[in-house]
Amino acid sequence: MFNVVLAGPRLALHLTRRIFAAGLGAAEAVPRIAAALDEMRATLRQLERLLAYVAEEVPELAYQVEQIRARLDAEPETDRPEPAAPATARRG
């Protein structure tokens, strides 16, 4: 009989403890979440700097490749080395 009478308060106490534990866990997670967000912001800033550098360098690289291509096209064909003959397999 007393079990039935005490079931309500036990359930209320159990739920209160679970809610308190969940709230405490959430409160403990906030600093970790804030640190992770700070690391993500720093990473994004670094990526932004890297992308800005790449955007500045790509046109220069394309220009240099075009210069090399023009020099190779200007060389006579006789100056280029002959491709090596494929090696034959040895049989022993």
PDB file of N, CA and C in Angstrom:
ATOM      1  N   MET A   1       0.800  -1.185   0.000  1.00  0.00           N
ATOM      2  CA  MET A   1       0.000   0.000   0.000  1.00  0.00           C
ATOM      3  C   MET A   1       0.852   1.262   0.000  1.00  0.00           C
ATOM      4  N   PHE A   2       1.913   1.226   0.826  1.00  0.00           N
ATOM      5  CA  PHE A   2       2.771   2.400   0.872  1.00  0.00           C
ATOM      6  C   PHE A   2       3.545   2.584  -0.439  1.00  0.00           C
ATOM      7  N   ASN A   3       3.789   1.489  -1.150  1.00  0.00           N
ATOM      8  CA  ASN A   3       4.475   1.598  -2.438  1.00  0.00           C
ATOM      9  C   ASN A   3       3.662   2.433  -3.421  1.00  0.00           C
ATOM     10  N   VAL A   4       2.380   2.240  -3.422  1.00  0.00           N
ATOM     11  CA  VAL A   4       1.510   2.992  -4.318  1.00  0.00           C
ATOM     12  C   VAL A   4       1.490   4.463  -3.913  1.00  0.00           C
ATOM     13  N   VAL A   5       1.456   4.718  -2.642  1.00  0.00           N
ATOM     14  CA  VAL A   5       1.399   6.100  -2.139  1.00  0.00           C
ATOM     15  C   VAL A   5       2.724   6.810  -2.427  1.00  0.00           C
ATOM     16  N   LEU A   6       3.842   6.104  -2.321  1.00  0.00           N
ATOM     17  CA  LEU A   6       5.156   6.729  -2.505  1.00  0.00           C
ATOM     18  C   LEU A   6       5.628   6.711  -3.957  1.00  0.00           C
ATOM     19  N   ALA A   7       4.894   6.083  -4.855  1.00  0.00           N
ATOM     20  CA  ALA A   7       5.313   5.992  -6.254  1.00  0.00           C
ATOM     21  C   ALA A   7       5.371   7.374  -6.898  1.00  0.00           C
ATOM     22  N   GLY A   8       4.406   8.227  -6.622  1.00  0.00           N
ATOM     23  CA  GLY A   8       4.384   9.581  -7.198  1.00  0.00           C
ATOM     24  C   GLY A   8       5.599  10.408  -6.777  1.00  0.00           C
ATOM     25  N   PRO A   9       5.874  10.509  -5.474  1.00  0.00           N
ATOM     26  CA  PRO A   9       7.052  11.279  -5.046  1.00  0.00           C
ATOM     27  C   PRO A   9       8.371  10.668  -5.543  1.00  0.00           C
ATOM     28  N   ARG A  10       8.457   9.342  -5.607  1.00  0.00           N
ATOM     29  CA  ARG A  10       9.676   8.706  -6.133  1.00  0.00           C
ATOM     30  C   ARG A  10       9.886   9.081  -7.592  1.00  0.00           C
ATOM     31  N   LEU A  11       8.826   9.021  -8.362  1.00  0.00           N
ATOM     32  CA  LEU A  11       8.917   9.376  -9.780  1.00  0.00           C
ATOM     33  C   LEU A  11       9.313  10.841  -9.940  1.00  0.00           C
ATOM     34  N   ALA A  12       8.729  11.704  -9.145  1.00  0.00           N
ATOM     35  CA  ALA A  12       9.058  13.131  -9.210  1.00  0.00           C
ATOM     36  C   ALA A  12      10.523  13.353  -8.842  1.00  0.00           C
ATOM     37  N   LEU A  13      11.004  12.676  -7.801  1.00  0.00           N
ATOM     38  CA  LEU A  13      12.402  12.812  -7.391  1.00  0.00           C
ATOM     39  C   LEU A  13      13.336  12.270  -8.469  1.00  0.00           C
ATOM     40  N   HIS A  14      12.986  11.142  -9.064  1.00  0.00           N
ATOM     41  CA  HIS A  14      13.792  10.550 -10.116  1.00  0.00           C
ATOM     42  C   HIS A  14      13.877  11.487 -11.330  1.00  0.00           C
ATOM     43  N   LEU A  15      12.750  12.037 -11.752  1.00  0.00           N
ATOM     44  CA  LEU A  15      12.741  12.949 -12.884  1.00  0.00           C
ATOM     45  C   LEU A  15      13.527  14.230 -12.582  1.00  0.00           C
ATOM     46  N   THR A  16      13.409  14.726 -11.358  1.00  0.00           N
ATOM     47  CA  THR A  16      14.147  15.929 -10.962  1.00  0.00           C
ATOM     48  C   THR A  16      15.646  15.673 -11.011  1.00  0.00           C
ATOM     49  N   ARG A  17      16.085  14.520 -10.520  1.00  0.00           N
ATOM     50  CA  ARG A  17      17.518  14.182 -10.571  1.00  0.00           C
ATOM     51  C   ARG A  17      17.999  14.067 -12.007  1.00  0.00           C
ATOM     52  N   ARG A  18      17.217  13.442 -12.883  1.00  0.00           N
ATOM     53  CA  ARG A  18      17.607  13.298 -14.296  1.00  0.00           C
ATOM     54  C   ARG A  18      17.688  14.648 -14.989  1.00  0.00           C
ATOM     55  N   ILE A  19      16.727  15.517 -14.712  1.00  0.00           N
ATOM     56  CA  ILE A  19      16.738  16.857 -15.312  1.00  0.00           C
ATOM     57  C   ILE A  19      17.947  17.645 -14.813  1.00  0.00           C
ATOM     58  N   PHE A  20      18.234  17.554 -13.523  1.00  0.00           N
ATOM     59  CA  PHE A  20      19.387  18.248 -12.963  1.00  0.00           C
ATOM     60  C   PHE A  20      20.688  17.721 -13.579  1.00  0.00           C
ATOM     61  N   ALA A  21      20.813  16.409 -13.736  1.00  0.00           N
ATOM     62  CA  ALA A  21      22.018  15.815 -14.326  1.00  0.00           C
ATOM     63  C   ALA A  21      22.167  16.238 -15.780  1.00  0.00           C
ATOM     64  N   ALA A  22      21.063  16.272 -16.511  1.00  0.00           N
ATOM     65  CA  ALA A  22      21.130  16.706 -17.913  1.00  0.00           C
ATOM     66  C   ALA A  22      21.512  18.174 -18.001  1.00  0.00           C
ATOM     67  N   GLY A  23      20.961  19.000 -17.131  1.00  0.00           N
ATOM     68  CA  GLY A  23      21.323  20.426 -17.121  1.00  0.00           C
ATOM     69  C   GLY A  23      22.782  20.634 -16.765  1.00  0.00           C
ATOM     70  N   LEU A  24      23.275  19.861 -15.812  1.00  0.00           N
ATOM     71  CA  LEU A  24      24.681  19.952 -15.431  1.00  0.00           C
ATOM     72  C   LEU A  24      25.588  19.511 -16.577  1.00  0.00           C
ATOM     73  N   GLY A  25      25.211  18.444 -17.257  1.00  0.00           N
ATOM     74  CA  GLY A  25      25.989  17.990 -18.412  1.00  0.00           C
ATOM     75  C   GLY A  25      26.012  19.031 -19.515  1.00  0.00           C
ATOM     76  N   ALA A  26      24.877  19.672 -19.745  1.00  0.00           N
ATOM     77  CA  ALA A  26      24.823  20.717 -20.771  1.00  0.00           C
ATOM     78  C   ALA A  26      25.676  21.912 -20.367  1.00  0.00           C
ATOM     79  N   ALA A  27      25.638  22.280 -19.093  1.00  0.00           N
ATOM     80  CA  ALA A  27      26.432  23.411 -18.622  1.00  0.00           C
ATOM     81  C   ALA A  27      27.934  23.107 -18.722  1.00  0.00           C
ATOM     82  N   GLU A  28      28.310  21.858 -18.487  1.00  0.00           N
ATOM     83  CA  GLU A  28      29.720  21.487 -18.613  1.00  0.00           C
ATOM     84  C   GLU A  28      30.172  21.458 -20.075  1.00  0.00           C
ATOM     85  N   ALA A  29      29.243  21.226 -20.984  1.00  0.00           N
ATOM     86  CA  ALA A  29      29.598  21.153 -22.405  1.00  0.00           C
ATOM     87  C   ALA A  29      29.780  22.531 -23.032  1.00  0.00           C
ATOM     88  N   VAL A  30      29.208  23.567 -22.448  1.00  0.00           N
ATOM     89  CA  VAL A  30      29.277  24.906 -23.042  1.00  0.00           C
ATOM     90  C   VAL A  30      30.716  25.377 -23.250  1.00  0.00           C
ATOM     91  N   PRO A  31      31.632  25.258 -22.287  1.00  0.00           N
ATOM     92  CA  PRO A  31      33.009  25.711 -22.544  1.00  0.00           C
ATOM     93  C   PRO A  31      33.697  24.917 -23.658  1.00  0.00           C
ATOM     94  N   ARG A  32      33.424  23.625 -23.749  1.00  0.00           N
ATOM     95  CA  ARG A  32      34.021  22.826 -24.827  1.00  0.00           C
ATOM     96  C   ARG A  32      33.484  23.261 -26.184  1.00  0.00           C
ATOM     97  N   ILE A  33      32.192  23.552 -26.242  1.00  0.00           N
ATOM     98  CA  ILE A  33      31.596  24.020 -27.494  1.00  0.00           C
ATOM     99  C   ILE A  33      32.185  25.369 -27.878  1.00  0.00           C
ATOM    100  N   ALA A  34      32.351  26.261 -26.910  1.00  0.00           N
ATOM    101  CA  ALA A  34      32.921  27.583 -27.189  1.00  0.00           C
ATOM    102  C   ALA A  34      34.364  27.445 -27.685  1.00  0.00           C
ATOM    103  N   ALA A  35      35.143  26.554 -27.086  1.00  0.00           N
ATOM    104  CA  ALA A  35      36.528  26.346 -27.530  1.00  0.00           C
ATOM    105  C   ALA A  35      36.559  25.783 -28.948  1.00  0.00           C
ATOM    106  N   ALA A  36      35.668  24.853 -29.244  1.00  0.00           N
ATOM    107  CA  ALA A  36      35.615  24.284 -30.592  1.00  0.00           C
ATOM    108  C   ALA A  36      35.232  25.348 -31.620  1.00  0.00           C
ATOM    109  N   LEU A  37      34.305  26.225 -31.267  1.00  0.00           N
ATOM    110  CA  LEU A  37      33.923  27.305 -32.179  1.00  0.00           C
ATOM    111  C   LEU A  37      35.088  28.275 -32.403  1.00  0.00           C
ATOM    112  N   ASP A  38      35.852  28.574 -31.349  1.00  0.00           N
ATOM    113  CA  ASP A  38      37.020  29.434 -31.515  1.00  0.00           C
ATOM    114  C   ASP A  38      38.050  28.800 -32.439  1.00  0.00           C
ATOM    115  N   GLU A  39      38.258  27.500 -32.293  1.00  0.00           N
ATOM    116  CA  GLU A  39      39.198  26.801 -33.181  1.00  0.00           C
ATOM    117  C   GLU A  39      38.701  26.814 -34.621  1.00  0.00           C
ATOM    118  N   MET A  40      37.393  26.643 -34.806  1.00  0.00           N
ATOM    119  CA  MET A  40      36.839  26.687 -36.161  1.00  0.00           C
ATOM    120  C   MET A  40      37.006  28.072 -36.773  1.00  0.00           C
ATOM    121  N   ARG A  41      36.784  29.115 -35.984  1.00  0.00           N
ATOM    122  CA  ARG A  41      36.973  30.477 -36.497  1.00  0.00           C
ATOM    123  C   ARG A  41      38.421  30.713 -36.889  1.00  0.00           C
ATOM    124  N   ALA A  42      39.355  30.264 -36.063  1.00  0.00           N
ATOM    125  CA  ALA A  42      40.772  30.422 -36.392  1.00  0.00           C
ATOM    126  C   ALA A  42      41.120  29.665 -37.668  1.00  0.00           C
ATOM    127  N   THR A  43      40.580  28.465 -37.813  1.00  0.00           N
ATOM    128  CA  THR A  43      40.836  27.676 -39.020  1.00  0.00           C
ATOM    129  C   THR A  43      40.260  28.368 -40.250  1.00  0.00           C
ATOM    130  N   LEU A  44      39.072  28.920 -40.127  1.00  0.00           N
ATOM    131  CA  LEU A  44      38.464  29.635 -41.250  1.00  0.00           C
ATOM    132  C   LEU A  44      39.264  30.876 -41.624  1.00  0.00           C
ATOM    133  N   ARG A  45      39.798  31.588 -40.624  1.00  0.00           N
ATOM    134  CA  ARG A  45      40.641  32.754 -40.928  1.00  0.00           C
ATOM    135  C   ARG A  45      41.899  32.324 -41.664  1.00  0.00           C
ATOM    136  N   GLN A  46      42.499  31.217 -41.223  1.00  0.00           N
ATOM    137  CA  GLN A  46      43.697  30.710 -41.886  1.00  0.00           C
ATOM    138  C   GLN A  46      43.385  30.284 -43.323  1.00  0.00           C
ATOM    139  N   LEU A  47      42.264  29.609 -43.529  1.00  0.00           N
ATOM    140  CA  LEU A  47      41.859  29.213 -44.881  1.00  0.00           C
ATOM    141  C   LEU A  47      41.615  30.431 -45.764  1.00  0.00           C
ATOM    142  N   GLU A  48      41.028  31.468 -45.193  1.00  0.00           N
ATOM    143  CA  GLU A  48      40.782  32.686 -45.957  1.00  0.00           C
ATOM    144  C   GLU A  48      42.098  33.319 -46.399  1.00  0.00           C
ATOM    145  N   ARG A  49      43.078  33.350 -45.511  1.00  0.00           N
ATOM    146  CA  ARG A  49      44.396  33.896 -45.886  1.00  0.00           C
ATOM    147  C   ARG A  49      45.047  33.031 -46.956  1.00  0.00           C
ATOM    148  N   LEU A  50      44.943  31.724 -46.817  1.00  0.00           N
ATOM    149  CA  LEU A  50      45.537  30.818 -47.799  1.00  0.00           C
ATOM    150  C   LEU A  50      44.878  30.980 -49.169  1.00  0.00           C
ATOM    151  N   LEU A  51      43.555  31.083 -49.192  1.00  0.00           N
ATOM    152  CA  LEU A  51      42.849  31.261 -50.454  1.00  0.00           C
ATOM    153  C   LEU A  51      43.183  32.606 -51.101  1.00  0.00           C
ATOM    154  N   ALA A  52      43.369  33.643 -50.302  1.00  0.00           N
ATOM    155  CA  ALA A  52      43.758  34.936 -50.855  1.00  0.00           C
ATOM    156  C   ALA A  52      45.144  34.842 -51.484  1.00  0.00           C
ATOM    157  N   TYR A  53      46.049  34.132 -50.830  1.00  0.00           N
ATOM    158  CA  TYR A  53      47.396  33.947 -51.381  1.00  0.00           C
ATOM    159  C   TYR A  53      47.341  33.179 -52.700  1.00  0.00           C
ATOM    160  N   VAL A  54      46.570  32.104 -52.721  1.00  0.00           N
ATOM    161  CA  VAL A  54      46.463  31.294 -53.932  1.00  0.00           C
ATOM    162  C   VAL A  54      45.847  32.119 -55.063  1.00  0.00           C
ATOM    163  N   ALA A  55      44.836  32.910 -54.743  1.00  0.00           N
ATOM    164  CA  ALA A  55      44.196  33.732 -55.768  1.00  0.00           C
ATOM    165  C   ALA A  55      45.169  34.739 -56.363  1.00  0.00           C
ATOM    166  N   GLU A  56      46.115  35.220 -55.553  1.00  0.00           N
ATOM    167  CA  GLU A  56      47.120  36.148 -56.069  1.00  0.00           C
ATOM    168  C   GLU A  56      48.168  35.429 -56.910  1.00  0.00           C
ATOM    169  N   GLU A  57      48.496  34.189 -56.557  1.00  0.00           N
ATOM    170  CA  GLU A  57      49.585  33.483 -57.219  1.00  0.00           C
ATOM    171  C   GLU A  57      49.165  32.745 -58.490  1.00  0.00           C
ATOM    172  N   VAL A  58      47.923  32.362 -58.625  1.00  0.00           N
ATOM    173  CA  VAL A  58      47.494  31.587 -59.787  1.00  0.00           C
ATOM    174  C   VAL A  58      47.720  32.339 -61.103  1.00  0.00           C
ATOM    175  N   PRO A  59      47.380  33.611 -61.208  1.00  0.00           N
ATOM    176  CA  PRO A  59      47.657  34.306 -62.477  1.00  0.00           C
ATOM    177  C   PRO A  59      49.145  34.338 -62.805  1.00  0.00           C
ATOM    178  N   GLU A  60      49.993  34.514 -61.800  1.00  0.00           N
ATOM    179  CA  GLU A  60      51.439  34.523 -62.033  1.00  0.00           C
ATOM    180  C   GLU A  60      51.909  33.158 -62.518  1.00  0.00           C
ATOM    181  N   LEU A  61      51.395  32.096 -61.916  1.00  0.00           N
ATOM    182  CA  LEU A  61      51.773  30.752 -62.352  1.00  0.00           C
ATOM    183  C   LEU A  61      51.322  30.485 -63.784  1.00  0.00           C
ATOM    184  N   ALA A  62      50.120  30.929 -64.129  1.00  0.00           N
ATOM    185  CA  ALA A  62      49.636  30.743 -65.492  1.00  0.00           C
ATOM    186  C   ALA A  62      50.518  31.498 -66.481  1.00  0.00           C
ATOM    187  N   TYR A  63      50.935  32.691 -66.109  1.00  0.00           N
ATOM    188  CA  TYR A  63      51.820  33.482 -66.964  1.00  0.00           C
ATOM    189  C   TYR A  63      53.156  32.767 -67.161  1.00  0.00           C
ATOM    190  N   GLN A  64      53.715  32.215 -66.095  1.00  0.00           N
ATOM    191  CA  GLN A  64      54.998  31.511 -66.193  1.00  0.00           C
ATOM    192  C   GLN A  64      54.870  30.256 -67.057  1.00  0.00           C
ATOM    193  N   VAL A  65      53.771  29.543 -66.929  1.00  0.00           N
ATOM    194  CA  VAL A  65      53.561  28.341 -67.753  1.00  0.00           C
ATOM    195  C   VAL A  65      53.476  28.736 -69.227  1.00  0.00           C
ATOM    196  N   GLU A  66      52.787  29.823 -69.517  1.00  0.00           N
ATOM    197  CA  GLU A  66      52.700  30.289 -70.899  1.00  0.00           C
ATOM    198  C   GLU A  66      54.070  30.677 -71.442  1.00  0.00           C
ATOM    199  N   GLN A  67      54.911  31.289 -70.610  1.00  0.00           N
ATOM    200  CA  GLN A  67      56.270  31.636 -71.045  1.00  0.00           C
ATOM    201  C   GLN A  67      57.080  30.380 -71.343  1.00  0.00           C
ATOM    202  N   ILE A  68      56.983  29.390 -70.502  1.00  0.00           N
ATOM    203  CA  ILE A  68      57.717  28.135 -70.725  1.00  0.00           C
ATOM    204  C   ILE A  68      57.210  27.456 -71.994  1.00  0.00           C
ATOM    205  N   ARG A  69      55.896  27.435 -72.193  1.00  0.00           N
ATOM    206  CA  ARG A  69      55.330  26.830 -73.389  1.00  0.00           C
ATOM    207  C   ARG A  69      55.816  27.563 -74.646  1.00  0.00           C
ATOM    208  N   ALA A  70      55.873  28.888 -74.596  1.00  0.00           N
ATOM    209  CA  ALA A  70      56.340  29.668 -75.751  1.00  0.00           C
ATOM    210  C   ALA A  70      57.804  29.362 -76.046  1.00  0.00           C
ATOM    211  N   ARG A  71      58.623  29.235 -74.993  1.00  0.00           N
ATOM    212  CA  ARG A  71      60.043  28.911 -75.209  1.00  0.00           C
ATOM    213  C   ARG A  71      60.199  27.522 -75.804  1.00  0.00           C
ATOM    214  N   LEU A  72      59.419  26.560 -75.326  1.00  0.00           N
ATOM    215  CA  LEU A  72      59.506  25.200 -75.865  1.00  0.00           C
ATOM    216  C   LEU A  72      59.030  25.156 -77.306  1.00  0.00           C
ATOM    217  N   ASP A  73      58.002  25.903 -77.617  1.00  0.00           N
ATOM    218  CA  ASP A  73      57.516  25.942 -78.988  1.00  0.00           C
ATOM    219  C   ASP A  73      58.514  26.626 -79.919  1.00  0.00           C
ATOM    220  N   ALA A  74      59.316  27.546 -79.405  1.00  0.00           N
ATOM    221  CA  ALA A  74      60.286  28.274 -80.228  1.00  0.00           C
ATOM    222  C   ALA A  74      61.531  27.446 -80.508  1.00  0.00           C
ATOM    223  N   GLU A  75      61.807  26.424 -79.700  1.00  0.00           N
ATOM    224  CA  GLU A  75      62.995  25.594 -79.913  1.00  0.00           C
ATOM    225  C   GLU A  75      62.788  24.717 -81.144  1.00  0.00           C
ATOM    226  N   PRO A  76      63.851  24.534 -81.930  1.00  0.00           N
ATOM    227  CA  PRO A  76      63.724  23.623 -83.079  1.00  0.00           C
ATOM    228  C   PRO A  76      63.570  22.174 -82.601  1.00  0.00           C
ATOM    229  N   GLU A  77      62.927  21.378 -83.406  1.00  0.00           N
ATOM    230  CA  GLU A  77      62.665  19.975 -83.073  1.00  0.00           C
ATOM    231  C   GLU A  77      63.950  19.169 -82.949  1.00  0.00           C
ATOM    232  N   THR A  78      65.017  19.540 -83.638  1.00  0.00           N
ATOM    233  CA  THR A  78      66.254  18.747 -83.616  1.00  0.00           C
ATOM    234  C   THR A  78      66.971  18.857 -82.285  1.00  0.00           C
ATOM    235  N   ASP A  79      66.717  19.899 -81.517  1.00  0.00           N
ATOM    236  CA  ASP A  79      67.388  20.064 -80.228  1.00  0.00           C
ATOM    237  C   ASP A  79      66.788  19.192 -79.145  1.00  0.00           C
ATOM    238  N   ARG A  80      65.634  18.677 -79.384  1.00  0.00           N
ATOM    239  CA  ARG A  80      64.972  17.860 -78.358  1.00  0.00           C
ATOM    240  C   ARG A  80      65.568  16.453 -78.375  1.00  0.00           C
ATOM    241  N   PRO A  81      65.815  15.867 -77.220  1.00  0.00           N
ATOM    242  CA  PRO A  81      66.383  14.509 -77.182  1.00  0.00           C
ATOM    243  C   PRO A  81      65.384  13.482 -77.691  1.00  0.00           C
ATOM    244  N   GLU A  82      65.948  12.415 -78.258  1.00  0.00           N
ATOM    245  CA  GLU A  82      65.119  11.316 -78.753  1.00  0.00           C
ATOM    246  C   GLU A  82      64.541  10.551 -77.566  1.00  0.00           C
ATOM    247  N   PRO A  83      63.332  10.078 -77.659  1.00  0.00           N
ATOM    248  CA  PRO A  83      62.799   9.262 -76.574  1.00  0.00           C
ATOM    249  C   PRO A  83      63.571   7.946 -76.480  1.00  0.00           C
ATOM    250  N   ALA A  84      63.764   7.484 -75.296  1.00  0.00           N
ATOM    251  CA  ALA A  84      64.509   6.234 -75.079  1.00  0.00           C
ATOM    252  C   ALA A  84      63.710   5.058 -75.599  1.00  0.00           C
ATOM    253  N   ALA A  85      64.427   4.079 -76.142  1.00  0.00           N
ATOM    254  CA  ALA A  85      63.773   2.860 -76.632  1.00  0.00           C
ATOM    255  C   ALA A  85      63.333   2.033 -75.441  1.00  0.00           C
ATOM    256  N   PRO A  86      62.214   1.342 -75.547  1.00  0.00           N
ATOM    257  CA  PRO A  86      61.777   0.518 -74.421  1.00  0.00           C
ATOM    258  C   PRO A  86      62.760  -0.610 -74.161  1.00  0.00           C
ATOM    259  N   ALA A  87      62.985  -0.919 -72.919  1.00  0.00           N
ATOM    260  CA  ALA A  87      63.908  -1.985 -72.548  1.00  0.00           C
ATOM    261  C   ALA A  87      63.291  -3.337 -72.889  1.00  0.00           C
ATOM    262  N   THR A  88      64.140  -4.236 -73.347  1.00  0.00           N
ATOM    263  CA  THR A  88      63.656  -5.586 -73.641  1.00  0.00           C
ATOM    264  C   THR A  88      63.750  -6.437 -72.400  1.00  0.00           C
ATOM    265  N   ALA A  89      62.843  -7.362 -72.280  1.00  0.00           N
ATOM    266  CA  ALA A  89      62.852  -8.255 -71.124  1.00  0.00           C
ATOM    267  C   ALA A  89      63.959  -9.295 -71.273  1.00  0.00           C
ATOM    268  N   ARG A  90      64.661  -9.540 -70.190  1.00  0.00           N
ATOM    269  CA  ARG A  90      65.737 -10.558 -70.195  1.00  0.00           C
ATOM    270  C   ARG A  90      65.136 -11.911 -69.935  1.00  0.00           C
ATOM    271  N   ARG A  91      65.671 -12.880 -70.635  1.00  0.00           N
ATOM    272  CA  ARG A  91      65.249 -14.267 -70.377  1.00  0.00           C
ATOM    273  C   ARG A  91      66.491 -15.067 -70.043  1.00  0.00           C
ATOM    274  N   GLY A  92      66.401 -15.795 -68.997  1.00  0.00           N
ATOM    275  CA  GLY A  92      67.615 -16.481 -68.548  1.00  0.00           C
ATOM    276  C   GLY A  92      67.457 -17.885 -68.438  1.00  0.00           C
TER     277      GLY A  92
END
